[in-house]
Amino acid sequence: MRIAVIGFGYWGKILSRCLSGVPGLDLSLIADIDPVRREEARRRFPDAGLATGPAELWGSGPLDAVAIATPANTHYDLARAALDAGKHVWIEKPVAETADQARALVMLAQQRRRTLFIDHTFLYSDSIRLIKRMLVRRDFAGLCRYESVRTNNGRSRQDASIFHDLAIHDLAILDFLVGESPLAVSTRALPAPGAAVPGDQHIMLSYASGVRADIRVNWSAAAKARRIVVSSDRQAVEFDDLEQHHKVRLHEFPFAEAPGGDGFHDLDADRHKARVLPLHRQKETLANAVECFLHCIRTGERPVSDGWQGVRLATIVEACLSSGRAGGRWIPAMTAA
């Protein structure tokens, strides 16, 4: 199978490295408008052809798939051109700038009978998949709250809002774990003079099942953080992606009857237990995602991060932006099914 990568920036380099190591997959071409990046691509991947832009890909010989790792405002046009050319498409998140654009790509992919794969990488994390299995098997006593802190220490994007860049990871994980769309969202930002969309946001989501989600994202925090806590009344699963070895921990919180029999319960700190949950596989998350992409191309199955998930998340992001403009007012999520 032959694949081309469009865009050799930060994520395009990581993606090219991963694709080049997959048995049976030929990284045939790398396209970038920047001559310095093309020269770096030539040095790092001497067996791959080079192109100055996507238009050169369509007439360069047989290609089965295209991976798009370019600025967000180019995703729709590039993906549409690739699908029109009969290619399977991998798109770095976000799938597009608007839900309408995302929906148009889904419809085109269905018409062309091609796989549209959105790079919501964390859905292919062994840690997130372990938490999902616990919820499905009811090893975990019912999800009722999701809390996340996802920050960078200075690295931001000029081509996308912080909702499209950082928060979308948590929105994708919630879509995967909860299995339903949120009813409403509320977002509040710390002031950032001169920024169209501030890079420090607190996002809240409510669900019909009673699940509540709190997400804190920040481009300019003192330190990078990637921490999620999924909790029930008496248990919590903590996932810290920056931990090298013990990424997932299960916390159990026994409660004792409070003195006086007033109906309140206090946490019995002496009996609080936390244990590391073993991961039988610790394969690179991006490699898992690539494996799924190729499997879906070969079988015609839909990936977890398919185009319809991209539509749902784009709709939620639009609701987040609307809430921010309304001073944090709760906005119906109006998420597409």
Protein backbone atom coordinates (compact mmCIF):
# COMPACT_ATOMS: atom_id res chain seq x y z
CA MET A 1 0.00 0.00 0.00
CA ARG A 2 1.36 3.41 -1.01
CA ILE A 3 0.77 6.56 1.04
CA ALA A 4 1.77 10.22 0.75
CA VAL A 5 2.15 12.76 3.55
CA ILE A 6 1.11 16.36 2.90
CA GLY A 7 2.85 18.70 5.32
CA PHE A 8 6.25 18.12 6.92
CA GLY A 9 5.88 20.32 9.97
CA TYR A 10 5.82 19.26 13.63
CA TRP A 11 3.21 16.50 13.31
CA GLY A 12 4.02 15.60 9.71
CA LYS A 13 7.54 14.62 10.75
CA ILE A 14 6.26 12.38 13.55
CA LEU A 15 3.64 10.85 11.28
CA SER A 16 6.17 10.21 8.49
CA ARG A 17 8.49 8.46 10.93
CA CYS A 18 5.67 6.21 12.12
CA LEU A 19 4.35 5.43 8.62
CA SER A 20 7.82 4.62 7.29
CA GLY A 21 8.23 1.84 9.86
CA VAL A 22 5.03 -0.08 9.06
CA PRO A 23 5.61 -3.38 7.21
CA GLY A 24 3.78 -3.49 3.90
CA LEU A 25 3.28 0.29 3.81
CA ASP A 26 5.31 2.39 1.39
CA LEU A 27 5.83 6.04 2.31
CA SER A 28 5.96 7.04 -1.34
CA LEU A 29 5.80 10.83 -1.30
CA ILE A 30 6.15 13.81 1.04
CA ALA A 31 4.77 17.17 -0.03
CA ASP A 32 5.57 20.55 1.53
CA ILE A 33 5.71 24.05 0.09
CA ASP A 34 8.77 24.94 2.21
CA PRO A 35 12.07 24.02 0.47
CA VAL A 36 13.88 23.76 3.82
CA ARG A 37 11.37 21.17 5.04
CA ARG A 38 11.57 19.29 1.74
CA GLU A 39 15.34 19.08 2.11
CA GLU A 40 14.94 17.74 5.66
CA ALA A 41 12.44 15.18 4.35
CA ARG A 42 14.93 14.13 1.66
CA ARG A 43 17.64 13.56 4.27
CA ARG A 44 15.41 11.66 6.69
CA PHE A 45 13.43 9.64 4.15
CA PRO A 46 15.64 9.21 1.07
CA ASP A 47 13.38 6.57 -0.47
CA ALA A 48 10.35 8.86 -0.55
CA GLY A 49 9.66 11.16 -3.46
CA LEU A 50 9.21 14.89 -2.88
CA ALA A 51 6.55 17.30 -4.07
CA THR A 52 6.10 21.04 -3.68
CA GLY A 53 2.34 20.77 -3.24
CA PRO A 54 -0.61 18.39 -3.23
CA ALA A 55 -1.48 18.97 -6.91
CA GLU A 56 1.65 17.03 -7.88
CA LEU A 57 0.49 13.95 -5.97
CA TRP A 58 -2.48 13.09 -8.13
CA GLY A 59 -0.42 12.53 -11.27
CA SER A 60 2.65 10.99 -9.65
CA GLY A 61 1.69 7.35 -9.99
CA PRO A 62 -0.54 5.01 -8.02
CA LEU A 63 -1.29 6.19 -4.48
CA ASP A 64 -3.73 4.45 -2.17
CA ALA A 65 -3.91 6.96 0.67
CA VAL A 66 -2.98 10.47 1.74
CA ALA A 67 -2.13 11.70 5.25
CA ILE A 68 -2.83 15.41 5.77
CA ALA A 69 -0.75 17.21 8.41
CA THR A 70 -1.13 20.84 7.39
CA PRO A 71 -2.68 23.96 8.98
CA ALA A 72 -6.32 23.46 9.97
CA ASN A 73 -7.67 25.96 7.45
CA THR A 74 -6.34 23.78 4.60
CA HIS A 75 -7.81 20.47 5.77
CA TYR A 76 -11.16 20.71 4.01
CA ASP A 77 -9.82 21.60 0.56
CA LEU A 78 -7.00 19.06 0.70
CA ALA A 79 -9.21 16.24 1.95
CA ARG A 80 -11.85 17.01 -0.66
CA ALA A 81 -9.25 16.94 -3.45
CA ALA A 82 -7.82 13.65 -2.16
CA LEU A 83 -11.25 12.00 -1.94
CA ASP A 84 -12.15 13.27 -5.41
CA ALA A 85 -8.94 11.63 -6.61
CA GLY A 86 -10.07 8.33 -5.08
CA LYS A 87 -7.65 8.25 -2.13
CA HIS A 88 -8.26 7.10 1.42
CA VAL A 89 -7.67 10.04 3.77
CA TRP A 90 -6.05 10.48 7.17
CA ILE A 91 -6.48 13.99 8.60
CA GLU A 92 -4.69 15.52 11.56
CA LYS A 93 -7.25 16.97 13.96
CA PRO A 94 -9.37 18.98 13.54
CA VAL A 95 -11.07 17.40 10.54
CA ALA A 96 -12.15 20.85 9.30
CA GLU A 97 -12.89 24.34 10.55
CA THR A 98 -16.67 23.86 10.71
CA ALA A 99 -19.18 21.09 11.26
CA ASP A 100 -20.68 21.73 7.82
CA GLN A 101 -17.29 21.18 6.17
CA ALA A 102 -16.77 18.00 8.19
CA ARG A 103 -20.20 16.71 7.18
CA ALA A 104 -19.48 17.41 3.50
CA LEU A 105 -16.27 15.36 3.72
CA VAL A 106 -18.13 12.45 5.32
CA MET A 107 -20.70 12.44 2.55
CA LEU A 108 -18.01 12.58 -0.14
CA ALA A 109 -16.04 9.74 1.48
CA GLN A 110 -19.20 7.63 1.53
CA GLN A 111 -19.90 8.40 -2.13
CA ARG A 112 -16.33 7.47 -3.10
CA ARG A 113 -16.32 4.43 -0.77
CA ARG A 114 -13.13 5.62 0.87
CA THR A 115 -11.97 5.61 4.50
CA LEU A 116 -11.95 9.00 6.21
CA PHE A 117 -9.82 8.71 9.36
CA ILE A 118 -9.50 11.58 11.85
CA ASP A 119 -6.29 11.60 13.88
CA HIS A 120 -7.85 11.67 17.37
CA THR A 121 -4.78 9.83 18.56
CA PHE A 122 -5.71 9.29 22.21
CA LEU A 123 -8.55 6.96 21.24
CA TYR A 124 -5.85 4.47 20.27
CA SER A 125 -3.95 4.79 23.55
CA ASP A 126 -3.68 1.48 25.39
CA SER A 127 -4.48 3.41 28.59
CA ILE A 128 -7.72 4.92 27.28
CA ARG A 129 -8.73 1.56 25.82
CA LEU A 130 -8.14 -0.06 29.23
CA ILE A 131 -10.47 2.48 30.87
CA LYS A 132 -13.08 1.81 28.18
CA ARG A 133 -12.87 -1.94 28.80
CA MET A 134 -13.33 -1.35 32.53
CA LEU A 135 -16.49 0.65 31.85
CA VAL A 136 -17.88 -1.93 29.42
CA ARG A 137 -17.15 -4.84 31.77
CA ARG A 138 -18.44 -2.83 34.74
CA ASP A 139 -15.15 -3.35 36.59
CA PHE A 140 -15.53 0.32 37.39
CA ALA A 141 -18.62 1.39 39.33
CA GLY A 142 -20.20 3.71 36.77
CA LEU A 143 -18.79 6.85 35.20
CA CYS A 144 -20.24 10.02 36.67
CA ARG A 145 -17.45 12.60 36.35
CA TYR A 146 -14.60 13.35 33.94
CA GLU A 147 -11.89 15.84 34.88
CA SER A 148 -8.93 16.80 32.75
CA VAL A 149 -5.99 19.17 32.87
CA ARG A 150 -4.26 19.47 29.50
CA THR A 151 -1.66 22.22 29.24
CA ASN A 152 1.38 23.26 27.26
CA ASN A 153 4.20 25.39 28.59
CA GLY A 154 4.30 27.86 25.74
CA ARG A 155 3.62 25.86 22.56
CA SER A 156 0.51 27.16 20.79
CA ARG A 157 -0.99 27.08 17.31
CA GLN A 158 -1.71 30.03 15.06
CA ASP A 159 -3.97 28.08 12.69
CA ALA A 160 -6.53 26.81 15.21
CA SER A 161 -8.17 27.75 18.50
CA ILE A 162 -7.26 26.01 21.72
CA PHE A 163 -10.55 24.10 21.42
CA HIS A 164 -9.42 22.61 18.10
CA ASP A 165 -5.89 22.00 19.39
CA LEU A 166 -6.00 20.75 23.00
CA ALA A 167 -9.62 20.46 24.13
CA ILE A 168 -10.57 18.31 21.16
CA HIS A 169 -8.50 15.47 22.65
CA ASP A 170 -10.77 15.39 25.70
CA LEU A 171 -13.91 15.83 23.61
CA ALA A 172 -12.87 12.79 21.56
CA ILE A 173 -12.09 10.74 24.68
CA LEU A 174 -15.46 11.68 26.20
CA ASP A 175 -17.24 10.72 22.97
CA PHE A 176 -15.49 7.32 23.16
CA LEU A 177 -15.96 6.65 26.88
CA VAL A 178 -19.44 8.06 27.49
CA GLY A 179 -20.97 6.89 24.22
CA GLU A 180 -23.41 9.79 24.01
CA SER A 181 -23.38 13.41 22.97
CA PRO A 182 -23.42 16.21 25.56
CA LEU A 183 -26.60 18.15 26.13
CA ALA A 184 -24.92 21.50 26.75
CA VAL A 185 -21.54 23.16 27.15
CA SER A 186 -20.20 26.17 29.02
CA THR A 187 -16.78 27.74 28.54
CA ARG A 188 -15.04 30.46 30.50
CA ALA A 189 -11.71 32.02 29.65
CA LEU A 190 -9.08 33.94 31.52
CA PRO A 191 -8.47 37.29 29.79
CA ALA A 192 -5.82 37.32 27.07
CA PRO A 193 -5.42 40.79 25.53
CA GLY A 194 -5.29 40.71 21.74
CA ALA A 195 -6.32 37.06 21.38
CA ALA A 196 -9.43 36.25 19.34
CA VAL A 197 -9.88 33.07 21.38
CA PRO A 198 -7.94 33.07 24.70
CA GLY A 199 -5.54 30.20 25.25
CA ASP A 200 -6.64 29.43 28.83
CA GLN A 201 -10.11 27.89 28.96
CA HIS A 202 -12.35 26.06 31.42
CA ILE A 203 -14.93 23.87 29.65
CA MET A 204 -17.90 22.17 31.30
CA LEU A 205 -20.21 19.64 29.65
CA SER A 206 -23.41 17.98 30.86
CA TYR A 207 -24.90 14.70 29.62
CA ALA A 208 -28.38 13.18 29.78
CA SER A 209 -26.98 10.19 31.70
CA GLY A 210 -25.83 12.49 34.50
CA VAL A 211 -22.16 12.52 33.56
CA ARG A 212 -20.43 15.86 34.13
CA ALA A 213 -17.14 16.86 32.55
CA ASP A 214 -14.66 19.57 33.53
CA ILE A 215 -11.79 20.28 31.17
CA ARG A 216 -9.01 22.82 31.75
CA VAL A 217 -6.78 23.66 28.79
CA ASN A 218 -3.99 26.21 28.67
CA TRP A 219 -1.31 26.91 26.08
CA SER A 220 0.94 28.89 28.45
CA ALA A 221 0.95 27.06 31.77
CA ALA A 222 4.00 26.81 34.01
CA ALA A 223 4.38 23.14 33.08
CA LYS A 224 3.02 20.68 30.55
CA ALA A 225 0.23 18.44 31.87
CA ARG A 226 -1.76 15.55 30.40
CA ARG A 227 -3.87 14.23 33.29
CA ILE A 228 -7.38 12.73 33.26
CA VAL A 229 -9.45 11.47 36.19
CA VAL A 230 -12.58 9.42 35.48
CA SER A 231 -14.58 8.88 38.65
CA SER A 232 -17.65 7.30 40.18
CA ASP A 233 -18.98 7.73 43.72
CA ARG A 234 -16.40 5.39 45.23
CA GLN A 235 -13.68 4.91 42.62
CA ALA A 236 -11.51 6.96 40.32
CA VAL A 237 -9.24 5.98 37.45
CA GLU A 238 -6.36 8.37 36.91
CA PHE A 239 -4.48 8.51 33.59
CA ASP A 240 -1.30 10.59 33.45
CA ASP A 241 0.16 10.40 29.97
CA LEU A 242 3.42 12.04 31.07
CA GLU A 243 4.18 9.15 33.43
CA GLN A 244 6.76 6.86 31.85
CA HIS A 245 5.75 3.55 33.41
CA HIS A 246 2.68 3.79 35.67
CA LYS A 247 0.23 5.70 33.51
CA VAL A 248 -3.05 4.34 34.92
CA ARG A 249 -4.01 4.08 38.61
CA LEU A 250 -7.24 2.95 40.24
CA HIS A 251 -8.21 4.79 43.43
CA GLU A 252 -10.81 3.32 45.80
CA PHE A 253 -12.45 5.60 48.35
CA PRO A 254 -14.22 3.79 51.21
CA PHE A 255 -16.62 6.00 53.14
CA ALA A 256 -17.44 5.83 56.84
CA GLU A 257 -20.68 6.95 58.51
CA ALA A 258 -20.17 10.40 59.97
CA PRO A 259 -20.69 10.83 63.73
CA GLY A 260 -24.20 11.84 64.72
CA GLY A 261 -26.02 9.80 62.09
CA ASP A 262 -26.92 12.91 60.08
CA GLY A 263 -26.77 11.08 56.76
CA PHE A 264 -23.42 12.49 55.69
CA HIS A 265 -20.47 10.23 54.91
CA ASP A 266 -16.80 11.07 55.38
CA LEU A 267 -13.93 9.71 53.34
CA ASP A 268 -12.09 7.06 55.34
CA ALA A 269 -8.57 8.24 54.49
CA ASP A 270 -6.93 5.33 56.32
CA ARG A 271 -8.56 2.84 53.95
CA HIS A 272 -8.01 4.79 50.72
CA LYS A 273 -6.27 2.50 48.25
CA ALA A 274 -4.49 3.29 45.00
CA ARG A 275 -3.02 0.65 42.73
CA VAL A 276 -1.32 0.73 39.37
CA LEU A 277 -3.29 -1.00 36.63
CA PRO A 278 -1.05 -3.13 34.41
CA LEU A 279 -1.00 -2.55 30.67
CA HIS A 280 -0.35 -5.78 28.82
CA ARG A 281 0.52 -3.82 25.68
CA GLN A 282 2.38 -0.55 25.64
CA LYS A 283 2.60 0.00 21.91
CA GLU A 284 3.08 3.53 20.63
CA THR A 285 -0.33 5.18 20.43
CA LEU A 286 0.24 6.58 16.95
CA ALA A 287 1.29 3.12 15.72
CA ASN A 288 -2.01 1.75 17.04
CA ALA A 289 -3.85 4.46 15.10
CA VAL A 290 -1.98 3.70 11.87
CA GLU A 291 -2.72 0.00 12.34
CA CYS A 292 -6.44 0.80 12.64
CA PHE A 293 -6.35 3.06 9.56
CA LEU A 294 -4.82 0.32 7.42
CA HIS A 295 -7.22 -2.29 8.79
CA CYS A 296 -10.20 -0.11 7.90
CA ILE A 297 -8.89 0.47 4.37
CA ARG A 298 -8.51 -3.28 3.84
CA THR A 299 -11.83 -4.33 5.40
CA GLY A 300 -14.11 -1.35 4.85
CA GLU A 301 -14.84 -1.11 8.59
CA ARG A 302 -15.42 2.29 10.19
CA PRO A 303 -12.73 3.51 12.59
CA VAL A 304 -13.61 4.80 16.04
CA SER A 305 -12.35 8.20 14.92
CA ASP A 306 -14.38 8.27 11.72
CA GLY A 307 -15.74 11.28 9.93
CA TRP A 308 -19.00 11.25 11.89
CA GLN A 309 -17.08 11.60 15.13
CA GLY A 310 -15.33 14.54 13.49
CA VAL A 311 -18.74 16.09 12.77
CA ARG A 312 -19.86 15.61 16.38
CA LEU A 313 -16.71 17.16 17.79
CA ALA A 314 -16.78 20.07 15.34
CA THR A 315 -20.35 20.79 16.46
CA ILE A 316 -19.32 20.74 20.14
CA VAL A 317 -16.39 23.08 19.41
CA GLU A 318 -18.78 25.51 17.71
CA ALA A 319 -20.95 25.41 20.84
CA CYS A 320 -17.87 26.07 23.00
CA LEU A 321 -16.99 29.11 20.91
CA SER A 322 -20.58 30.38 21.15
CA SER A 323 -20.57 29.94 24.93
CA GLY A 324 -17.31 31.84 25.22
CA ARG A 325 -18.71 34.74 23.22
CA ALA A 326 -21.78 34.69 25.51
CA GLY A 327 -19.70 35.00 28.67
CA GLY A 328 -19.88 31.33 29.63
CA ARG A 329 -23.62 30.85 29.21
CA TRP A 330 -24.69 27.22 28.84
CA ILE A 331 -25.25 26.50 25.13
CA PRO A 332 -27.04 23.44 23.70
CA ALA A 333 -24.37 21.23 22.17
CA MET A 334 -26.62 20.26 19.22
CA THR A 335 -24.24 17.43 18.45
CA ALA A 336 -24.88 15.49 15.23
CA ALA A 337 -25.67 11.81 15.63
